Protein backbone atom coordinates (compact mmCIF):
# COMPACT_ATOMS: atom_id res chain seq x y z
CA MET A 1 111.56 54.95 36.77
CA LYS A 2 114.14 57.34 36.45
CA ILE A 3 114.05 60.59 36.58
CA PRO A 4 115.29 62.79 33.63
CA GLU A 5 118.94 64.88 35.06
CA LYS A 6 117.48 68.39 35.01
CA PRO A 7 119.46 70.38 32.02
CA PRO A 8 121.97 72.79 33.09
CA ASP A 9 121.80 76.31 33.26
CA GLU A 10 122.41 77.26 28.68
CA GLN A 11 123.38 81.30 29.93
CA ASP A 12 125.85 79.51 32.09
CA LEU A 13 127.42 77.47 29.00
CA ILE A 14 127.06 79.67 26.65
CA VAL A 15 129.65 81.67 29.01
CA LYS A 16 131.82 78.32 29.25
CA HIS A 17 132.21 77.96 25.99
CA ILE A 18 131.60 81.00 24.84
CA LYS A 19 133.28 80.89 21.53
CA THR A 20 132.31 77.35 20.18
CA PHE A 21 128.39 78.84 20.42
CA THR A 22 129.04 81.79 18.71
CA GLU A 23 130.43 79.86 15.80
CA LEU A 24 127.63 76.71 15.46
CA LEU A 25 125.37 79.59 16.15
CA LYS A 26 126.83 81.64 12.95
CA ARG A 27 126.65 78.78 11.42
CA SER A 28 123.35 77.00 12.09
CA GLY A 29 122.19 81.11 9.99
CA LYS A 30 123.67 80.56 7.03
CA GLU A 31 121.80 79.83 4.24
CA GLU A 32 124.27 78.21 2.51
CA LEU A 33 125.30 76.30 4.96
CA THR A 34 123.25 73.10 4.98
CA GLY A 35 125.54 70.41 6.94
CA GLU A 36 125.15 69.26 9.97
CA ILE A 37 124.73 72.06 12.26
CA LYS A 38 121.33 72.35 10.52
CA GLN A 39 120.45 68.71 10.72
CA LEU A 40 121.33 68.75 13.84
CA VAL A 41 119.17 71.23 15.00
CA LYS A 42 116.29 70.61 12.45
CA ARG A 43 116.13 66.89 14.18
CA TYR A 44 116.76 67.62 17.85
CA ASN A 45 114.25 70.65 18.04
CA ASP A 46 111.29 69.63 15.48
CA THR A 47 111.30 66.35 13.82
CA GLY A 48 111.95 64.57 17.84
CA TYR A 49 112.05 67.10 20.41
CA ILE A 50 115.20 66.38 22.24
CA HIS A 51 115.55 66.43 26.55
CA TRP A 52 118.98 67.13 27.51
CA ASP A 53 118.85 63.68 29.90
CA LYS A 54 118.66 62.08 26.49
CA LEU A 55 120.97 64.69 24.29
CA ARG A 56 124.13 64.28 26.81
CA HIS A 57 124.14 60.51 25.95
CA LYS A 58 124.23 61.26 21.91
CA LYS A 59 127.18 60.89 19.92
CA LEU A 60 127.67 64.56 18.20
CA PRO A 61 130.40 65.83 16.36
CA TRP A 62 130.47 69.36 18.39
CA ASN A 63 130.15 69.27 22.96
CA ASN A 64 127.34 68.27 23.92
CA GLU A 65 126.92 70.82 25.82
CA VAL A 66 127.39 73.08 23.60
CA ILE A 67 124.57 71.76 20.99
CA TRP A 68 122.75 71.94 24.28
CA ALA A 69 123.02 75.66 24.28
CA LEU A 70 122.38 75.78 21.00
CA LEU A 71 119.05 73.91 21.27
CA LYS A 72 117.83 75.57 23.76
CA PHE A 73 118.78 79.59 22.69
CA LEU A 74 116.71 78.51 18.70
CA ARG A 75 114.45 77.52 20.88
CA GLN A 76 113.58 81.33 23.36
CA GLY A 77 112.71 83.31 19.97
CA ILE A 78 109.88 80.08 19.92
CA TYR A 79 108.18 79.57 23.05
CA ARG A 80 104.82 80.38 23.70
CA PRO A 81 104.12 81.43 28.14
CA ILE A 82 101.25 80.02 30.09
CA LYS A 83 100.94 81.54 33.26
CA ILE A 84 98.53 79.17 35.52
CA GLY A 85 98.18 80.82 39.55
CA LYS A 86 102.44 81.45 40.45
CA GLU A 87 103.72 79.11 37.88
CA ASN A 88 104.76 79.45 34.13
CA PHE A 89 105.23 77.32 31.48
CA LEU A 90 106.40 77.20 27.89
CA PHE A 91 105.28 75.76 24.88
CA ILE A 92 106.42 75.59 21.25
CA ILE A 93 104.21 74.49 18.39
CA LEU A 94 106.63 72.79 16.46
CA ASN A 95 106.79 72.82 12.63
CA LYS A 96 105.81 68.89 12.23
CA PHE A 97 102.55 69.85 14.87
CA SER A 98 101.17 71.64 12.13
CA ARG A 99 101.14 69.15 9.22
CA GLU A 100 99.95 66.19 11.82
CA LEU A 101 97.01 69.22 13.20
CA HIS A 102 96.57 69.41 8.96
CA LEU A 103 95.86 65.76 8.78
CA ILE A 104 93.14 65.76 11.83
CA ASP A 105 91.42 68.98 10.61
CA LYS A 106 90.84 67.25 7.08
CA ALA A 107 89.03 64.26 9.05
CA SER A 108 84.98 63.75 9.63
CA PRO A 109 83.23 60.80 11.30
CA ALA A 110 80.63 61.39 8.57
CA SER A 111 83.45 60.08 6.09
CA PHE A 112 86.41 58.65 6.74
CA ASP A 113 87.56 58.97 3.05
CA TRP A 114 90.56 61.03 4.33
CA LEU A 115 91.86 57.73 5.18
CA VAL A 116 91.11 54.65 3.07
CA GLU A 117 88.76 54.88 -0.50
CA ASP A 118 86.22 53.05 0.32
CA ASN A 119 83.21 55.06 3.04
CA LEU A 120 82.75 52.05 6.26
CA SER A 121 78.70 51.86 6.69
CA GLU A 122 77.00 53.48 9.52
CA SER A 123 76.42 49.98 11.72
CA GLY A 124 81.02 49.16 11.48
CA ARG A 125 81.46 53.37 12.07
CA GLN A 126 78.46 52.71 15.63
CA GLN A 127 80.23 48.87 16.65
CA TYR A 128 83.54 50.25 16.32
CA LEU A 129 82.91 53.89 18.07
CA ILE A 130 81.01 52.47 21.30
CA ASN A 131 84.23 49.72 21.34
CA SER A 132 86.50 52.51 21.66
CA LEU A 133 84.57 53.90 24.22
CA MET A 134 85.03 51.16 26.23
CA GLU A 135 88.84 50.61 25.23
CA GLU A 136 89.16 54.34 26.60
CA ALA A 137 87.07 53.42 29.60
CA ILE A 138 88.76 50.59 30.51
CA ALA A 139 92.79 50.83 29.06
CA SER A 140 92.11 54.99 31.22
CA SER A 141 90.83 53.37 34.51
CA GLN A 142 93.54 50.91 34.23
CA LEU A 143 96.41 53.35 34.35
CA GLU A 144 95.50 54.37 37.34
CA GLY A 145 95.58 50.65 39.02
CA ALA A 146 91.95 49.27 37.73
CA ALA A 147 93.16 45.69 38.06
CA THR A 148 90.64 43.71 35.55
CA THR A 149 91.62 42.78 32.02
CA ARG A 150 89.58 43.90 28.97
CA PRO A 151 87.64 40.99 27.67
CA VAL A 152 85.86 40.71 31.13
CA ALA A 153 85.44 44.19 31.20
CA LYS A 154 83.89 44.49 27.63
CA LYS A 155 81.95 41.54 28.73
CA MET A 156 80.87 44.10 31.75
CA LEU A 157 79.54 47.00 29.75
CA ARG A 158 78.13 44.80 26.93
CA GLU A 159 75.89 43.14 28.62
CA GLY A 160 74.87 45.50 31.26
CA LYS A 161 75.90 44.23 34.50
CA LYS A 162 76.75 45.50 37.95
CA PRO A 163 80.25 45.66 38.72
CA LYS A 164 81.94 43.53 41.03
CA ASN A 165 84.63 45.45 42.91
CA GLN A 166 85.93 48.98 42.71
CA SER A 167 88.30 48.03 39.66
CA GLU A 168 85.19 47.34 37.62
CA ARG A 169 83.10 50.16 39.64
CA MET A 170 86.10 52.52 38.03
CA ILE A 171 86.08 51.64 34.77
CA LEU A 172 82.23 51.54 34.38
CA ASN A 173 82.07 55.27 35.67
CA ASN A 174 84.89 56.21 33.03
CA TYR A 175 82.51 54.89 30.45
CA LEU A 176 79.16 56.54 31.60
CA THR A 177 81.55 60.37 32.21
CA ILE A 178 83.13 59.72 28.78
CA ARG A 179 79.15 59.04 26.65
CA LYS A 180 77.90 62.24 28.47
CA LEU A 181 80.66 64.74 26.88
CA GLN A 182 78.41 65.21 24.73
CA GLN A 183 75.98 66.78 26.64
CA TRP A 184 78.56 68.93 28.29
CA LYS A 185 80.26 69.95 24.70
CA ASN A 186 78.18 73.83 24.81
CA LEU A 187 79.70 74.46 28.34
CA PRO A 188 82.40 76.55 28.79
CA LEU A 189 84.82 75.30 31.07
CA SER A 190 84.17 76.27 34.92
CA ARG A 191 85.31 75.10 38.09
CA GLU A 192 81.82 73.50 38.89
CA LEU A 193 82.36 71.22 35.40
CA ILE A 194 85.78 69.71 36.41
CA LEU A 195 83.74 69.22 40.18
CA GLU A 196 81.31 67.61 38.19
CA ILE A 197 83.33 65.44 35.25
CA HIS A 198 85.66 64.80 38.53
CA GLN A 199 82.22 63.24 40.78
CA GLU A 200 81.17 61.15 38.29
CA ILE A 201 84.41 59.22 36.86
CA THR A 202 84.98 58.73 40.72
CA ARG A 203 81.85 57.94 42.10
CA GLY A 204 81.58 55.42 44.69
CA THR A 205 85.85 54.63 44.22
CA LEU A 206 87.19 56.95 46.78
CA GLU A 207 87.93 56.41 50.16
CA SER A 208 86.02 59.23 51.17
CA GLU A 209 82.91 60.23 48.83
CA ALA A 210 83.24 64.36 50.65
CA ASP A 211 86.53 63.71 47.77
CA GLU A 212 84.40 63.16 44.87
CA LYS A 213 83.61 66.66 45.29
CA GLN A 214 85.71 68.27 46.62
CA PHE A 215 89.18 69.59 45.52
CA ARG A 216 92.01 68.58 47.71
CA THR A 217 92.71 70.31 51.53
CA THR A 218 96.15 69.08 52.49
CA ASN A 219 99.45 69.07 50.94
CA ASP A 220 99.05 64.80 51.47
CA VAL A 221 98.97 64.37 48.09
CA VAL A 222 102.12 63.33 45.54
CA VAL A 223 102.81 61.61 43.11
CA ARG A 224 105.26 58.43 43.39
CA ASP A 225 106.13 55.42 41.26
CA LYS A 226 103.92 52.12 40.87
CA VAL A 227 106.80 50.41 41.34
CA ASP A 228 109.09 51.56 43.94
CA TYR A 229 107.14 53.39 46.34
CA THR A 230 109.73 56.09 47.58
CA ILE A 231 110.54 57.51 44.62
CA VAL A 232 108.46 60.86 43.82
CA TYR A 233 107.62 62.13 40.96
CA HIS A 234 106.18 65.38 41.80
CA TYR A 235 104.87 67.45 43.75
CA PRO A 236 101.91 69.18 42.94
CA PRO A 237 101.38 72.85 43.74
CA ASP A 238 100.10 74.34 47.67
CA PHE A 239 96.15 73.16 47.50
CA ASN A 240 95.39 76.87 48.39
CA GLU A 241 96.98 78.02 45.36
CA ILE A 242 94.62 75.37 43.30
CA PRO A 243 91.12 77.73 43.25
CA GLN A 244 93.40 80.25 41.55
CA MET A 245 95.48 78.29 39.72
CA ILE A 246 91.62 76.58 37.93
CA GLU A 247 90.78 79.86 37.75
CA ASP A 248 93.04 80.72 35.79
CA LEU A 249 92.92 76.71 33.64
CA CYS A 250 89.40 78.03 32.20
CA THR A 251 89.87 80.93 31.26
CA LEU A 252 92.34 79.50 29.31
CA ALA A 253 89.99 77.21 27.84
CA ASN A 254 87.86 79.52 26.92
CA SER A 255 89.87 81.94 25.62
CA ASP A 256 89.85 83.36 21.95
CA GLU A 257 92.27 85.65 22.70
CA GLU A 258 95.60 84.01 21.31
CA PHE A 259 94.81 81.18 19.32
CA VAL A 260 96.24 77.82 20.23
CA HIS A 261 95.01 74.95 18.09
CA PRO A 262 92.14 73.58 20.02
CA ILE A 263 94.23 69.87 19.57
CA ILE A 264 97.17 71.62 21.47
CA LYS A 265 94.66 73.21 24.17
CA ALA A 266 93.65 69.52 24.64
CA ILE A 267 96.12 68.17 25.60
CA ILE A 268 97.75 71.48 27.36
CA ILE A 269 94.87 71.77 30.00
CA HIS A 270 95.11 67.59 30.40
CA PHE A 271 98.67 68.33 31.32
CA LEU A 272 97.86 71.06 33.77
CA ILE A 273 94.85 69.02 35.34
CA GLY A 274 98.22 66.08 36.51
CA TYR A 275 100.52 68.56 37.38
CA ILE A 276 97.97 70.84 40.03
CA HIS A 277 96.63 67.58 40.48
CA PRO A 278 93.23 69.63 42.38
CA PHE A 279 91.94 65.89 43.22
CA ASN A 280 93.27 63.55 45.95
CA ASP A 281 92.41 60.94 43.68
CA GLY A 282 91.29 60.05 40.20
CA ASN A 283 93.22 63.42 38.68
CA GLY A 284 94.48 60.75 35.33
CA ARG A 285 90.91 59.95 33.99
CA THR A 286 89.82 63.69 35.30
CA ALA A 287 92.51 64.94 32.70
CA ARG A 288 91.99 62.65 30.36
CA ALA A 289 88.22 62.83 30.25
CA LEU A 290 88.79 67.10 29.87
CA PHE A 291 90.87 66.13 26.93
CA TYR A 292 88.18 64.26 25.11
CA TRP A 293 85.51 66.96 26.19
CA TYR A 294 88.10 69.76 24.54
CA VAL A 295 88.29 68.47 21.64
CA LEU A 296 84.43 66.71 20.83
CA LYS A 297 83.70 70.90 22.38
CA HIS A 298 85.64 71.87 19.32
CA ARG A 299 83.56 69.96 17.12
CA TYR A 300 87.08 67.60 16.24
CA ASP A 301 83.98 64.23 16.91
CA LEU A 302 86.50 62.10 15.50
CA PHE A 303 88.29 61.37 18.73
CA GLU A 304 85.39 59.72 19.66
CA TYR A 305 87.09 56.72 17.53
CA LEU A 306 90.71 57.19 18.47
CA SER A 307 91.44 55.61 22.18
CA ILE A 308 94.49 57.69 23.18
CA SER A 309 94.45 55.44 26.54
CA ARG A 310 94.77 52.61 25.19
CA ILE A 311 97.99 52.52 23.54
CA VAL A 312 98.84 54.86 26.63
CA ILE A 313 98.60 51.48 28.51
CA ASN A 314 101.04 50.07 26.47
CA ALA A 315 103.90 52.15 27.93
CA PRO A 316 102.87 53.72 30.31
CA ALA A 317 106.56 54.92 31.21
CA LYS A 318 106.82 56.80 28.08
CA TYR A 319 103.93 58.90 29.56
CA THR A 320 105.03 59.36 32.53
CA ARG A 321 108.26 60.81 31.20
CA ALA A 322 107.29 63.31 29.47
CA TYR A 323 105.51 65.24 32.38
CA LEU A 324 109.01 64.23 34.32
CA GLU A 325 110.13 66.41 31.07
CA THR A 326 108.22 68.96 31.23
CA GLU A 327 108.71 69.46 35.00
CA THR A 328 112.84 69.34 35.43
CA ASP A 329 113.30 71.25 31.62
CA GLY A 330 111.34 74.40 33.23
CA ASN A 331 107.83 73.55 32.32
CA ASP A 332 107.93 73.00 28.65
CA MET A 333 104.92 71.37 27.99
CA THR A 334 106.32 70.82 24.28
CA TYR A 335 107.95 67.30 25.36
CA PHE A 336 104.09 66.37 27.03
CA ILE A 337 102.32 67.76 23.57
CA ASP A 338 104.75 65.91 21.26
CA PHE A 339 104.07 63.00 23.11
CA ASN A 340 100.54 63.05 22.76
CA MET A 341 100.35 64.25 18.99
CA ASN A 342 102.63 60.48 18.08
CA LEU A 343 99.11 58.77 20.00
CA ILE A 344 97.29 60.48 18.33
CA ASN A 345 98.55 59.78 15.06
CA LYS A 346 98.91 55.90 16.07
CA SER A 347 95.58 56.17 17.38
CA LEU A 348 95.09 57.59 13.60
CA GLU A 349 96.97 54.41 11.75
CA GLU A 350 95.10 51.86 14.38
CA LEU A 351 91.51 53.42 13.45
CA LYS A 352 92.77 52.92 9.52
CA ARG A 353 93.52 49.45 10.30
CA TYR A 354 90.15 49.19 11.10
CA ILE A 355 88.65 50.18 9.04
CA VAL A 356 90.66 48.37 5.82
CA GLU A 357 89.89 45.03 7.85
CA LYS A 358 86.65 46.11 8.29
CA GLN A 359 85.66 46.67 4.64
CA LYS A 360 86.55 43.52 3.91
CA GLU A 361 84.50 42.07 6.50
CA GLU A 362 81.43 43.44 5.36
CA LYS A 363 82.37 42.43 1.51
CA ASP A 364 81.96 38.64 3.35
CA LEU A 365 78.78 39.18 5.48
CA LEU A 366 76.91 40.87 1.82
CA HIS A 367 78.33 37.64 0.53
CA LEU A 368 77.08 35.83 3.12
CA VAL A 369 73.71 38.12 3.08
CA GLU A 370 73.65 36.67 -0.66
CA ARG A 371 73.44 33.20 0.49
CA MET A 372 70.99 33.95 3.05
CA PRO A 373 68.58 36.48 1.88
CA ASP A 374 66.09 36.89 4.88
CA LEU A 375 68.69 37.84 7.42
CA SER A 376 69.44 41.41 7.88
CA PHE A 377 72.44 43.39 7.78
CA ARG A 378 73.00 43.43 11.78
CA GLN A 379 72.20 39.52 11.55
CA ALA A 380 74.86 38.94 9.62
CA GLU A 381 77.12 41.12 10.85
CA MET A 382 76.45 38.91 14.33
CA LEU A 383 76.88 35.35 12.41
CA LYS A 384 80.01 36.85 11.35
CA ASP A 385 81.01 37.39 15.23
CA PHE A 386 80.10 33.26 15.28
CA ILE A 387 82.16 32.29 12.47
CA LYS A 388 85.04 34.09 14.11
CA HIS A 389 84.89 32.93 17.47
CA PRO A 390 83.57 29.45 16.86
CA THR A 391 83.61 27.91 20.15
CA ARG A 392 82.73 31.00 22.13
CA PRO A 393 79.05 31.13 23.58
CA TYR A 394 77.85 34.64 23.51
CA THR A 395 74.23 35.83 25.71
CA VAL A 396 71.19 37.77 24.40
CA SER A 397 72.06 40.82 26.36
CA GLU A 398 76.28 40.90 25.54
CA LEU A 399 74.85 41.02 22.09
CA ALA A 400 72.25 43.70 22.75
CA GLY A 401 75.32 45.69 24.26
CA LYS A 402 77.62 45.19 21.60
CA TYR A 403 74.81 46.03 19.31
CA LYS A 404 72.93 48.94 21.21
CA ILE A 405 69.81 47.28 20.42
CA SER A 406 67.01 46.00 22.95
CA ILE A 407 66.86 42.49 24.34
CA PRO A 408 63.98 41.10 22.91
CA THR A 409 65.65 42.22 19.54
CA ALA A 410 68.96 40.94 20.23
CA ARG A 411 66.86 37.78 20.43
CA GLY A 412 64.89 38.15 17.88
CA ASP A 413 67.59 37.89 15.70
CA LEU A 414 69.49 35.42 16.89
CA LEU A 415 66.72 32.88 16.63
CA THR A 416 66.09 34.00 13.71
CA ILE A 417 69.90 32.87 12.61
CA GLU A 418 69.82 29.42 14.60
CA GLY A 419 66.52 29.29 12.32
CA LYS A 420 68.91 28.72 9.41
CA GLY A 421 70.47 26.05 10.79
CA GLN A 422 73.88 28.44 11.49
CA LEU A 423 73.76 27.68 15.72
CA LYS A 424 72.74 26.29 18.89
CA LYS A 425 71.04 27.02 22.34
CA TYR A 426 70.97 26.05 24.89
CA MET A 427 70.49 26.97 28.70
CA ASP A 428 73.43 28.27 30.97
CA GLY A 429 71.76 28.02 34.32
CA LYS A 430 69.31 30.67 33.98
CA ARG A 431 70.25 32.54 31.08
CA GLN A 432 70.05 31.59 27.63
CA VAL A 433 73.01 30.65 24.95
CA PHE A 434 74.15 30.48 21.30
CA ILE A 435 77.43 28.68 20.26
CA TYR A 436 78.12 28.42 16.84
CA ARG A 437 76.50 25.37 14.84
CA GLY A 438 80.14 24.64 13.06
CA ASP A 439 78.37 21.92 11.25
CA HIS A 440 75.96 24.34 9.45
CA GLY A 441 73.09 21.69 10.95
CA GLU A 442 74.10 18.53 8.55
């Protein structure tokens, strides 16, 4: 991917185009003028926070350099600064963020009626939660190079199998770490906690075991393009600066002196870990884990149901670009925040679609239970899995993992369903396998 062009200095542009700039500034400040210039400023300074690299290609009614100078001039008055070590960062709370954050604030994992009219059953929520944690663990690892398909990885997690290779180990580590975040959510952010999360998430996957437990001690680490290794996207700060930057990051995370909405602050923490790049490897996974840790710490349990990385994996270049736009434009983190807020919105829409679909399935299950009153609701859900995938064999351990029940309980459920003539069982080596019986025993 091509690195975004660094914006020209706005002060130089103002001097260069002082007459036109002054006229546009006057127009933008006139309340009675609701024409093109105001719409343009709103579009590019809020609705779609634009970087110079994109703006310079737009066909505009005024000189592109003048418009950029105007946009930057207006941004200057609302920037919020953050100092981490020797580095200065900026961000803006866009108007659209306030609306989006309000929707998230209204959300509650105990009741999804803010998304859809009817609520979801406890079993439906639990199943989605488990699936979401798996999806996040898999996608976050794939972003860092794990070469395993989702079906294979999910099967490993559901059946509790040992990982066969480094990619599967990365995914298992991610999954176990995400599940442990609830244990750490009452702790303040500290150097020790960051190291512990990193160690859990990289255990057995790095060249050196020592790298799991410590910050990098050299400047050999850079962020490169995954396809063209000659392209360097980011040179992290000198390793000697890491302790102070981490200390400042922890102060930022733990301080309520100047309020920043927890979702925005979680995104900023995510960005800063990626920027500081304190470890030889595993920085991305650690950054995303810390994002989840922070939102859970502030009681946004809804995020357990959202897999942000699953959406990122479909557009990894946009994720990288959000970092690059920030770094090339004076460390303006608004680009990265905007990108992540869009991801959260997409994840919420995905959750809404799931709930609607799951509600329909649950109604179908209730009809199924009515026809087979001896089946429990969970057994009816299992049978629905078989009906949806009539040629797929299921093992006892796989369904035990999916429904978070013991293997004896899962086996009992399957034998009950088989006794109703709905399933066939056979042996695959030493494993007992069940498959849907399409003829229903007739």
